Amino acid sequence: MQPIENVTYNGGEWEPALVVKAGEDVIPKENFEASYTDNIQAGQAGVLVKPATGNANVTGSMNGTFTIDKCSI
């Protein structure tokens, strides 16, 4: 998975777009699903990427993190 850029707190749930690769090849989005944790408040958020339900072409899983920065008023 490519690094996920920081986002800024906006009161909503963040689910940044992901680029998942097998070596140098990008895995099409329909082949995996992502679940996010701690992705509303400022701080460290997590994402778990695993094969899409029923997809027999992709195995394994990977974890990633991204930062939700505090907003300025």
C-alpha atoms as a PDB file:
ATOM      1  CA  MET A   1       0.000   0.000   0.000  1.00  0.00           C
ATOM      2  CA  GLN A   2       1.331   3.420  -0.857  1.00  0.00           C
ATOM      3  CA  PRO A   3       1.688   5.910   2.008  1.00  0.00           C
ATOM      4  CA  ILE A   4      -1.535   7.737   2.848  1.00  0.00           C
ATOM      5  CA  GLU A   5      -1.310  11.531   2.957  1.00  0.00           C
ATOM      6  CA  ASN A   6      -2.349  13.428   6.078  1.00  0.00           C
ATOM      7  CA  VAL A   7      -5.867  14.851   6.164  1.00  0.00           C
ATOM      8  CA  THR A   8      -7.327  17.670   8.268  1.00  0.00           C
ATOM      9  CA  TYR A   9     -10.030  17.225  10.890  1.00  0.00           C
ATOM     10  CA  ASN A  10     -13.452  18.282   9.590  1.00  0.00           C
ATOM     11  CA  GLY A  11     -15.824  16.546  12.011  1.00  0.00           C
ATOM     12  CA  GLY A  12     -16.572  13.762   9.546  1.00  0.00           C
ATOM     13  CA  GLU A  13     -15.325  10.265   8.936  1.00  0.00           C
ATOM     14  CA  TRP A  14     -12.180  10.013   6.788  1.00  0.00           C
ATOM     15  CA  GLU A  15     -11.720   7.115   4.336  1.00  0.00           C
ATOM     16  CA  PRO A  16      -8.830   8.210   2.117  1.00  0.00           C
ATOM     17  CA  ALA A  17      -8.418   6.665  -1.325  1.00  0.00           C
ATOM     18  CA  LEU A  18      -5.918   3.814  -1.288  1.00  0.00           C
ATOM     19  CA  VAL A  19      -3.427   2.546  -3.831  1.00  0.00           C
ATOM     20  CA  VAL A  20      -2.658  -1.102  -3.107  1.00  0.00           C
ATOM     21  CA  LYS A  21       0.125  -2.859  -4.990  1.00  0.00           C
ATOM     22  CA  ALA A  22       1.463  -6.370  -5.455  1.00  0.00           C
ATOM     23  CA  GLY A  23       5.079  -5.608  -6.257  1.00  0.00           C
ATOM     24  CA  GLU A  24       4.845  -2.861  -8.901  1.00  0.00           C
ATOM     25  CA  ASP A  25       1.343  -3.837 -10.073  1.00  0.00           C
ATOM     26  CA  VAL A  26      -1.653  -1.879  -8.781  1.00  0.00           C
ATOM     27  CA  ILE A  27      -4.449  -4.113  -7.490  1.00  0.00           C
ATOM     28  CA  PRO A  28      -7.829  -2.910  -8.827  1.00  0.00           C
ATOM     29  CA  LYS A  29     -10.071  -1.476  -6.098  1.00  0.00           C
ATOM     30  CA  GLU A  30     -12.821  -4.050  -6.727  1.00  0.00           C
ATOM     31  CA  ASN A  31     -10.377  -6.778  -5.611  1.00  0.00           C
ATOM     32  CA  PHE A  32      -9.929  -5.499  -2.047  1.00  0.00           C
ATOM     33  CA  GLU A  33     -11.910  -3.912   0.771  1.00  0.00           C
ATOM     34  CA  ALA A  34     -10.725  -1.531   3.447  1.00  0.00           C
ATOM     35  CA  SER A  35     -11.948  -1.030   6.995  1.00  0.00           C
ATOM     36  CA  TYR A  36     -10.940   2.071   8.948  1.00  0.00           C
ATOM     37  CA  THR A  37     -10.485   2.697  12.676  1.00  0.00           C
ATOM     38  CA  ASP A  38     -10.156   5.897  14.714  1.00  0.00           C
ATOM     39  CA  ASN A  39     -10.843   7.902  11.542  1.00  0.00           C
ATOM     40  CA  ILE A  40     -12.914  10.808  12.891  1.00  0.00           C
ATOM     41  CA  GLN A  41     -10.941  12.661  15.598  1.00  0.00           C
ATOM     42  CA  ALA A  42      -7.531  14.300  15.115  1.00  0.00           C
ATOM     43  CA  GLY A  43      -4.673  11.850  15.665  1.00  0.00           C
ATOM     44  CA  GLN A  44      -3.543   8.520  14.265  1.00  0.00           C
ATOM     45  CA  ALA A  45      -6.073   6.514  12.237  1.00  0.00           C
ATOM     46  CA  GLY A  46      -5.789   2.971  10.918  1.00  0.00           C
ATOM     47  CA  VAL A  47      -6.828   0.996   7.894  1.00  0.00           C
ATOM     48  CA  LEU A  48      -6.976  -2.763   7.289  1.00  0.00           C
ATOM     49  CA  VAL A  49      -6.930  -3.934   3.668  1.00  0.00           C
ATOM     50  CA  LYS A  50      -8.037  -7.466   2.812  1.00  0.00           C
ATOM     51  CA  PRO A  51      -9.371  -9.323  -0.237  1.00  0.00           C
ATOM     52  CA  ALA A  52     -12.885  -8.403  -1.315  1.00  0.00           C
ATOM     53  CA  THR A  53     -15.532 -10.915  -0.266  1.00  0.00           C
ATOM     54  CA  GLY A  54     -15.622 -13.763  -2.778  1.00  0.00           C
ATOM     55  CA  ASN A  55     -12.356 -12.727  -4.475  1.00  0.00           C
ATOM     56  CA  ALA A  56     -10.130 -15.760  -4.988  1.00  0.00           C
ATOM     57  CA  ASN A  57      -7.393 -13.808  -6.830  1.00  0.00           C
ATOM     58  CA  VAL A  58      -6.000 -11.916  -3.823  1.00  0.00           C
ATOM     59  CA  THR A  59      -4.750 -13.310  -0.507  1.00  0.00           C
ATOM     60  CA  GLY A  60      -3.393 -11.859   2.701  1.00  0.00           C
ATOM     61  CA  SER A  61      -3.995  -8.533   4.385  1.00  0.00           C
ATOM     62  CA  MET A  62      -2.085  -5.392   5.303  1.00  0.00           C
ATOM     63  CA  ASN A  63      -2.389  -2.607   7.833  1.00  0.00           C
ATOM     64  CA  GLY A  64      -1.677   1.059   7.308  1.00  0.00           C
ATOM     65  CA  THR A  65      -1.988   4.318   9.200  1.00  0.00           C
ATOM     66  CA  PHE A  66      -2.624   7.940   8.402  1.00  0.00           C
ATOM     67  CA  THR A  67      -2.784  11.123  10.433  1.00  0.00           C
ATOM     68  CA  ILE A  68      -5.766  13.390  10.917  1.00  0.00           C
ATOM     69  CA  ASP A  69      -4.297  16.810  11.644  1.00  0.00           C
ATOM     70  CA  LYS A  70      -6.007  19.317  13.928  1.00  0.00           C
ATOM     71  CA  CYS A  71      -7.827  22.083  12.089  1.00  0.00           C
ATOM     72  CA  SER A  72      -7.223  25.784  12.581  1.00  0.00           C
ATOM     73  CA  ILE A  73     -10.043  28.184  13.399  1.00  0.00           C
END
